[in-house]
């Protein structure tokens, strides 16, 4: 690397890689990820926990509280 511009570009690229690695570790690392289980996905999608029927099968339709429903009024 005899050319000063090549040295400057190499330094900038190294600084960028270090900065991206620091941002990844600080904000997107494995310790920032929540544990995703079928139960947490069910709560996130349905908004309420479902109950298991006596035969061990989940119900076909779950009821949601009326508070979570939006009412759309058309004029």
PDB file of N, CA and C in Angstrom:
ATOM      1  N   UNK A   1       0.837  -1.169   0.000  1.00  0.00           N
ATOM      2  CA  UNK A   1       0.000   0.000   0.000  1.00  0.00           C
ATOM      3  C   UNK A   1       0.890   1.244   0.000  1.00  0.00           C
ATOM      4  N   UNK A   2       1.401   1.553  -1.132  1.00  0.00           N
ATOM      5  CA  UNK A   2       2.271   2.716  -1.258  1.00  0.00           C
ATOM      6  C   UNK A   2       1.465   3.992  -1.471  1.00  0.00           C
ATOM      7  N   UNK A   3       0.296   3.850  -2.015  1.00  0.00           N
ATOM      8  CA  UNK A   3      -0.513   5.030  -2.310  1.00  0.00           C
ATOM      9  C   UNK A   3      -1.228   5.482  -1.032  1.00  0.00           C
ATOM     10  N   UNK A   4      -1.165   6.785  -0.693  1.00  0.00           N
ATOM     11  CA  UNK A   4      -1.809   7.267   0.532  1.00  0.00           C
ATOM     12  C   UNK A   4      -3.328   7.099   0.500  1.00  0.00           C
ATOM     13  N   UNK A   5      -3.930   7.188  -0.664  1.00  0.00           N
ATOM     14  CA  UNK A   5      -5.379   7.017  -0.767  1.00  0.00           C
ATOM     15  C   UNK A   5      -5.778   5.582  -0.429  1.00  0.00           C
ATOM     16  N   UNK A   6      -4.990   4.605  -0.853  1.00  0.00           N
ATOM     17  CA  UNK A   6      -5.278   3.205  -0.546  1.00  0.00           C
ATOM     18  C   UNK A   6      -5.203   2.979   0.964  1.00  0.00           C
ATOM     19  N   UNK A   7      -4.224   3.610   1.625  1.00  0.00           N
ATOM     20  CA  UNK A   7      -4.101   3.471   3.080  1.00  0.00           C
ATOM     21  C   UNK A   7      -5.311   4.102   3.767  1.00  0.00           C
ATOM     22  N   UNK A   8      -5.742   5.265   3.307  1.00  0.00           N
ATOM     23  CA  UNK A   8      -6.907   5.936   3.894  1.00  0.00           C
ATOM     24  C   UNK A   8      -8.178   5.105   3.719  1.00  0.00           C
ATOM     25  N   UNK A   9      -8.340   4.541   2.542  1.00  0.00           N
ATOM     26  CA  UNK A   9      -9.521   3.702   2.295  1.00  0.00           C
ATOM     27  C   UNK A   9      -9.498   2.468   3.192  1.00  0.00           C
ATOM     28  N   UNK A  10      -8.341   1.861   3.351  1.00  0.00           N
ATOM     29  CA  UNK A  10      -8.223   0.683   4.214  1.00  0.00           C
ATOM     30  C   UNK A  10      -8.550   1.048   5.665  1.00  0.00           C
ATOM     31  N   UNK A  11      -8.091   2.183   6.137  1.00  0.00           N
ATOM     32  CA  UNK A  11      -8.383   2.612   7.510  1.00  0.00           C
ATOM     33  C   UNK A  11      -9.880   2.847   7.690  1.00  0.00           C
ATOM     34  N   UNK A  12     -10.506   3.517   6.719  1.00  0.00           N
ATOM     35  CA  UNK A  12     -11.946   3.768   6.807  1.00  0.00           C
ATOM     36  C   UNK A  12     -12.724   2.459   6.804  1.00  0.00           C
ATOM     37  N   UNK A  13     -12.342   1.505   5.981  1.00  0.00           N
ATOM     38  CA  UNK A  13     -13.034   0.214   5.946  1.00  0.00           C
ATOM     39  C   UNK A  13     -12.879  -0.532   7.260  1.00  0.00           C
ATOM     40  N   UNK A  14     -11.714  -0.503   7.854  1.00  0.00           N
ATOM     41  CA  UNK A  14     -11.497  -1.163   9.141  1.00  0.00           C
ATOM     42  C   UNK A  14     -12.345  -0.504  10.220  1.00  0.00           C
ATOM     43  N   UNK A  15     -12.401   0.820  10.237  1.00  0.00           N
ATOM     44  CA  UNK A  15     -13.221   1.534  11.223  1.00  0.00           C
ATOM     45  C   UNK A  15     -14.695   1.187  11.034  1.00  0.00           C
ATOM     46  N   UNK A  16     -15.151   1.087   9.788  1.00  0.00           N
ATOM     47  CA  UNK A  16     -16.547   0.730   9.530  1.00  0.00           C
ATOM     48  C   UNK A  16     -16.855  -0.684  10.019  1.00  0.00           C
ATOM     49  N   UNK A  17     -15.978  -1.624   9.767  1.00  0.00           N
ATOM     50  CA  UNK A  17     -16.198  -3.003  10.208  1.00  0.00           C
ATOM     51  C   UNK A  17     -16.241  -3.069  11.730  1.00  0.00           C
ATOM     52  N   UNK A  18     -15.349  -2.347  12.390  1.00  0.00           N
ATOM     53  CA  UNK A  18     -15.343  -2.328  13.861  1.00  0.00           C
ATOM     54  C   UNK A  18     -16.626  -1.680  14.381  1.00  0.00           C
ATOM     55  N   UNK A  19     -17.061  -0.590  13.756  1.00  0.00           N
ATOM     56  CA  UNK A  19     -18.295   0.076  14.185  1.00  0.00           C
ATOM     57  C   UNK A  19     -19.504  -0.827  13.980  1.00  0.00           C
ATOM     58  N   UNK A  20     -19.585  -1.516  12.851  1.00  0.00           N
ATOM     59  CA  UNK A  20     -20.705  -2.434  12.616  1.00  0.00           C
ATOM     60  C   UNK A  20     -20.704  -3.595  13.603  1.00  0.00           C
ATOM     61  N   UNK A  21     -19.538  -4.108  13.918  1.00  0.00           N
ATOM     62  CA  UNK A  21     -19.454  -5.193  14.900  1.00  0.00           C
ATOM     63  C   UNK A  21     -19.893  -4.705  16.273  1.00  0.00           C
ATOM     64  N   UNK A  22     -19.496  -3.495  16.651  1.00  0.00           N
ATOM     65  CA  UNK A  22     -19.904  -2.948  17.950  1.00  0.00           C
ATOM     66  C   UNK A  22     -21.418  -2.736  18.001  1.00  0.00           C
ATOM     67  N   UNK A  23     -22.006  -2.221  16.917  1.00  0.00           N
ATOM     68  CA  UNK A  23     -23.456  -2.035  16.877  1.00  0.00           C
ATOM     69  C   UNK A  23     -24.188  -3.368  16.945  1.00  0.00           C
ATOM     70  N   UNK A  24     -23.669  -4.373  16.251  1.00  0.00           N
ATOM     71  CA  UNK A  24     -24.295  -5.700  16.293  1.00  0.00           C
ATOM     72  C   UNK A  24     -24.284  -6.246  17.711  1.00  0.00           C
ATOM     73  N   UNK A  25     -23.137  -6.159  18.361  1.00  0.00           N
ATOM     74  CA  UNK A  25     -23.025  -6.688  19.722  1.00  0.00           C
ATOM     75  C   UNK A  25     -23.912  -5.894  20.679  1.00  0.00           C
ATOM     76  N   UNK A  26     -23.962  -4.577  20.513  1.00  0.00           N
ATOM     77  CA  UNK A  26     -24.712  -3.730  21.436  1.00  0.00           C
ATOM     78  C   UNK A  26     -26.220  -3.850  21.271  1.00  0.00           C
ATOM     79  N   UNK A  27     -26.702  -4.024  20.036  1.00  0.00           N
ATOM     80  CA  UNK A  27     -28.143  -3.973  19.810  1.00  0.00           C
ATOM     81  C   UNK A  27     -28.773  -5.235  19.234  1.00  0.00           C
ATOM     82  N   UNK A  28     -28.013  -6.062  18.542  1.00  0.00           N
ATOM     83  CA  UNK A  28     -28.600  -7.210  17.860  1.00  0.00           C
ATOM     84  C   UNK A  28     -28.000  -8.538  18.282  1.00  0.00           C
ATOM     85  N   UNK A  29     -27.216  -8.552  19.321  1.00  0.00           N
ATOM     86  CA  UNK A  29     -26.559  -9.772  19.768  1.00  0.00           C
ATOM     87  C   UNK A  29     -27.559 -10.780  20.307  1.00  0.00           C
ATOM     88  N   UNK A  30     -27.116 -11.984  20.539  1.00  0.00           N
ATOM     89  CA  UNK A  30     -28.007 -13.047  21.006  1.00  0.00           C
ATOM     90  C   UNK A  30     -28.662 -12.756  22.350  1.00  0.00           C
ATOM     91  N   UNK A  31     -28.026 -11.988  23.213  1.00  0.00           N
ATOM     92  CA  UNK A  31     -28.622 -11.717  24.519  1.00  0.00           C
ATOM     93  C   UNK A  31     -29.759 -10.706  24.435  1.00  0.00           C
ATOM     94  N   UNK A  32     -29.994 -10.105  23.281  1.00  0.00           N
ATOM     95  CA  UNK A  32     -31.109  -9.181  23.095  1.00  0.00           C
ATOM     96  C   UNK A  32     -32.315  -9.862  22.463  1.00  0.00           C
ATOM     97  N   UNK A  33     -32.189 -11.097  22.087  1.00  0.00           N
ATOM     98  CA  UNK A  33     -33.282 -11.793  21.404  1.00  0.00           C
ATOM     99  C   UNK A  33     -34.174 -12.502  22.420  1.00  0.00           C
ATOM    100  N   UNK A  34     -35.485 -12.318  22.304  1.00  0.00           N
ATOM    101  CA  UNK A  34     -36.387 -13.021  23.221  1.00  0.00           C
ATOM    102  C   UNK A  34     -36.495 -14.499  22.848  1.00  0.00           C
ATOM    103  N   UNK A  35     -36.837 -15.303  23.828  1.00  0.00           N
ATOM    104  CA  UNK A  35     -37.045 -16.729  23.568  1.00  0.00           C
ATOM    105  C   UNK A  35     -38.415 -16.893  22.922  1.00  0.00           C
ATOM    106  N   UNK A  36     -38.448 -17.515  21.763  1.00  0.00           N
ATOM    107  CA  UNK A  36     -39.699 -17.691  21.029  1.00  0.00           C
ATOM    108  C   UNK A  36     -40.133 -19.140  21.165  1.00  0.00           C
ATOM    109  N   UNK A  37     -41.284 -19.327  21.788  1.00  0.00           N
ATOM    110  CA  UNK A  37     -41.865 -20.656  21.953  1.00  0.00           C
ATOM    111  C   UNK A  37     -43.232 -20.657  21.264  1.00  0.00           C
ATOM    112  N   UNK A  38     -43.802 -21.807  21.041  1.00  0.00           N
ATOM    113  CA  UNK A  38     -45.148 -21.831  20.454  1.00  0.00           C
ATOM    114  C   UNK A  38     -46.171 -21.062  21.300  1.00  0.00           C
ATOM    115  N   UNK A  39     -46.002 -21.096  22.616  1.00  0.00           N
ATOM    116  CA  UNK A  39     -46.936 -20.392  23.489  1.00  0.00           C
ATOM    117  C   UNK A  39     -46.808 -18.873  23.328  1.00  0.00           C
ATOM    118  N   UNK A  40     -45.581 -18.362  23.232  1.00  0.00           N
ATOM    119  CA  UNK A  40     -45.425 -16.919  23.066  1.00  0.00           C
ATOM    120  C   UNK A  40     -45.904 -16.474  21.689  1.00  0.00           C
ATOM    121  N   UNK A  41     -45.710 -17.290  20.663  1.00  0.00           N
ATOM    122  CA  UNK A  41     -46.225 -16.944  19.340  1.00  0.00           C
ATOM    123  C   UNK A  41     -47.753 -16.942  19.337  1.00  0.00           C
ATOM    124  N   UNK A  42     -48.348 -17.905  20.036  1.00  0.00           N
ATOM    125  CA  UNK A  42     -49.806 -17.971  20.113  1.00  0.00           C
ATOM    126  C   UNK A  42     -50.347 -16.714  20.788  1.00  0.00           C
ATOM    127  N   UNK A  43     -49.722 -16.308  21.890  1.00  0.00           N
ATOM    128  CA  UNK A  43     -50.170 -15.098  22.577  1.00  0.00           C
ATOM    129  C   UNK A  43     -49.978 -13.865  21.698  1.00  0.00           C
ATOM    130  N   UNK A  44     -48.892 -13.813  20.942  1.00  0.00           N
ATOM    131  CA  UNK A  44     -48.638 -12.655  20.095  1.00  0.00           C
ATOM    132  C   UNK A  44     -49.631 -12.583  18.935  1.00  0.00           C
ATOM    133  N   UNK A  45     -49.985 -13.723  18.362  1.00  0.00           N
ATOM    134  CA  UNK A  45     -50.877 -13.727  17.206  1.00  0.00           C
ATOM    135  C   UNK A  45     -52.337 -13.603  17.630  1.00  0.00           C
ATOM    136  N   UNK A  46     -52.745 -14.393  18.607  1.00  0.00           N
ATOM    137  CA  UNK A  46     -54.149 -14.415  19.001  1.00  0.00           C
ATOM    138  C   UNK A  46     -54.493 -13.343  20.016  1.00  0.00           C
ATOM    139  N   UNK A  47     -53.538 -12.883  20.766  1.00  0.00           N
ATOM    140  CA  UNK A  47     -53.797 -11.855  21.753  1.00  0.00           C
ATOM    141  C   UNK A  47     -54.324 -12.385  23.065  1.00  0.00           C
ATOM    142  N   UNK A  48     -54.602 -13.670  23.157  1.00  0.00           N
ATOM    143  CA  UNK A  48     -55.092 -14.276  24.393  1.00  0.00           C
ATOM    144  C   UNK A  48     -54.687 -15.731  24.394  1.00  0.00           C
ATOM    145  N   UNK A  49     -54.541 -16.272  25.572  1.00  0.00           N
ATOM    146  CA  UNK A  49     -54.196 -17.686  25.689  1.00  0.00           C
ATOM    147  C   UNK A  49     -55.422 -18.536  25.378  1.00  0.00           C
ATOM    148  N   UNK A  50     -55.215 -19.607  24.678  1.00  0.00           N
ATOM    149  CA  UNK A  50     -56.319 -20.512  24.384  1.00  0.00           C
ATOM    150  C   UNK A  50     -56.378 -21.590  25.448  1.00  0.00           C
ATOM    151  N   UNK A  51     -57.524 -22.204  25.574  1.00  0.00           N
ATOM    152  CA  UNK A  51     -57.679 -23.284  26.533  1.00  0.00           C
ATOM    153  C   UNK A  51     -57.660 -24.604  25.788  1.00  0.00           C
ATOM    154  N   UNK A  52     -57.173 -25.628  26.443  1.00  0.00           N
ATOM    155  CA  UNK A  52     -57.126 -26.959  25.852  1.00  0.00           C
ATOM    156  C   UNK A  52     -58.421 -27.682  26.200  1.00  0.00           C
ATOM    157  N   UNK A  53     -59.026 -28.275  25.209  1.00  0.00           N
ATOM    158  CA  UNK A  53     -60.270 -29.015  25.413  1.00  0.00           C
ATOM    159  C   UNK A  53     -59.970 -30.321  26.147  1.00  0.00           C
ATOM    160  N   UNK A  54     -60.972 -30.935  26.765  1.00  0.00           N
ATOM    161  CA  UNK A  54     -60.741 -32.172  27.521  1.00  0.00           C
ATOM    162  C   UNK A  54     -60.121 -33.296  26.702  1.00  0.00           C
ATOM    163  N   UNK A  55     -60.374 -33.335  25.395  1.00  0.00           N
ATOM    164  CA  UNK A  55     -59.794 -34.399  24.583  1.00  0.00           C
ATOM    165  C   UNK A  55     -58.352 -34.096  24.189  1.00  0.00           C
ATOM    166  N   UNK A  56     -57.795 -32.978  24.675  1.00  0.00           N
ATOM    167  CA  UNK A  56     -56.403 -32.650  24.412  1.00  0.00           C
ATOM    168  C   UNK A  56     -56.183 -31.817  23.167  1.00  0.00           C
ATOM    169  N   UNK A  57     -57.237 -31.519  22.423  1.00  0.00           N
ATOM    170  CA  UNK A  57     -57.123 -30.741  21.201  1.00  0.00           C
ATOM    171  C   UNK A  57     -57.437 -29.271  21.490  1.00  0.00           C
ATOM    172  N   UNK A  58     -56.737 -28.346  20.855  1.00  0.00           N
ATOM    173  CA  UNK A  58     -57.076 -26.932  21.037  1.00  0.00           C
ATOM    174  C   UNK A  58     -58.395 -26.619  20.359  1.00  0.00           C
ATOM    175  N   UNK A  59     -59.135 -25.644  20.838  1.00  0.00           N
ATOM    176  CA  UNK A  59     -60.418 -25.304  20.219  1.00  0.00           C
ATOM    177  C   UNK A  59     -60.200 -24.730  18.822  1.00  0.00           C
ATOM    178  N   UNK A  60     -61.199 -24.867  17.981  1.00  0.00           N
ATOM    179  CA  UNK A  60     -61.095 -24.368  16.618  1.00  0.00           C
ATOM    180  C   UNK A  60     -61.120 -22.842  16.590  1.00  0.00           C
ATOM    181  N   UNK A  61     -61.961 -22.257  17.417  1.00  0.00           N
ATOM    182  CA  UNK A  61     -62.068 -20.806  17.461  1.00  0.00           C
ATOM    183  C   UNK A  61     -61.895 -20.367  18.908  1.00  0.00           C
ATOM    184  N   UNK A  62     -61.138 -19.331  19.093  1.00  0.00           N
ATOM    185  CA  UNK A  62     -60.967 -18.804  20.439  1.00  0.00           C
ATOM    186  C   UNK A  62     -61.720 -17.491  20.534  1.00  0.00           C
ATOM    187  N   UNK A  63     -62.206 -17.219  21.710  1.00  0.00           N
ATOM    188  CA  UNK A  63     -62.900 -15.954  21.902  1.00  0.00           C
ATOM    189  C   UNK A  63     -61.911 -14.938  22.427  1.00  0.00           C
ATOM    190  N   UNK A  64     -62.053 -13.737  21.928  1.00  0.00           N
ATOM    191  CA  UNK A  64     -61.197 -12.655  22.375  1.00  0.00           C
ATOM    192  C   UNK A  64     -62.067 -11.649  23.109  1.00  0.00           C
ATOM    193  N   UNK A  65     -61.468 -10.964  24.021  1.00  0.00           N
ATOM    194  CA  UNK A  65     -62.238  -9.984  24.766  1.00  0.00           C
ATOM    195  C   UNK A  65     -62.683  -8.870  23.827  1.00  0.00           C
ATOM    196  N   UNK A  66     -63.827  -8.268  24.151  1.00  0.00           N
ATOM    197  CA  UNK A  66     -64.345  -7.198  23.301  1.00  0.00           C
ATOM    198  C   UNK A  66     -63.487  -5.953  23.398  1.00  0.00           C
ATOM    199  N   UNK A  67     -62.677  -5.847  24.441  1.00  0.00           N
ATOM    200  CA  UNK A  67     -61.806  -4.684  24.580  1.00  0.00           C
ATOM    201  C   UNK A  67     -60.735  -4.666  23.494  1.00  0.00           C
ATOM    202  N   UNK A  68     -60.308  -5.843  23.018  1.00  0.00           N
ATOM    203  CA  UNK A  68     -59.251  -5.885  22.032  1.00  0.00           C
ATOM    204  C   UNK A  68     -59.766  -5.704  20.606  1.00  0.00           C
ATOM    205  N   UNK A  69     -61.069  -5.734  20.427  1.00  0.00           N
ATOM    206  CA  UNK A  69     -61.626  -5.559  19.093  1.00  0.00           C
ATOM    207  C   UNK A  69     -61.803  -4.080  18.796  1.00  0.00           C
ATOM    208  N   UNK A  70     -61.578  -3.729  17.559  1.00  0.00           N
ATOM    209  CA  UNK A  70     -61.793  -2.352  17.138  1.00  0.00           C
ATOM    210  C   UNK A  70     -63.139  -2.240  16.458  1.00  0.00           C
ATOM    211  N   UNK A  71     -63.800  -1.143  16.711  1.00  0.00           N
ATOM    212  CA  UNK A  71     -65.076  -0.912  16.069  1.00  0.00           C
ATOM    213  C   UNK A  71     -64.859   0.107  14.967  1.00  0.00           C
ATOM    214  N   UNK A  72     -65.272  -0.248  13.773  1.00  0.00           N
ATOM    215  CA  UNK A  72     -65.112   0.650  12.641  1.00  0.00           C
ATOM    216  C   UNK A  72     -66.459   1.268  12.347  1.00  0.00           C
ATOM    217  N   UNK A  73     -66.498   2.587  12.365  1.00  0.00           N
ATOM    218  CA  UNK A  73     -67.727   3.307  12.069  1.00  0.00           C
ATOM    219  C   UNK A  73     -67.578   3.977  10.716  1.00  0.00           C
ATOM    220  N   UNK A  74     -68.480   3.652   9.822  1.00  0.00           N
ATOM    221  CA  UNK A  74     -68.477   4.280   8.500  1.00  0.00           C
ATOM    222  C   UNK A  74     -69.475   5.413   8.493  1.00  0.00           C
ATOM    223  N   UNK A  75     -69.096   6.484   7.866  1.00  0.00           N
ATOM    224  CA  UNK A  75     -69.987   7.647   7.804  1.00  0.00           C
ATOM    225  C   UNK A  75     -70.805   7.598   6.555  1.00  0.00           C
TER     226      UNK A  75
END
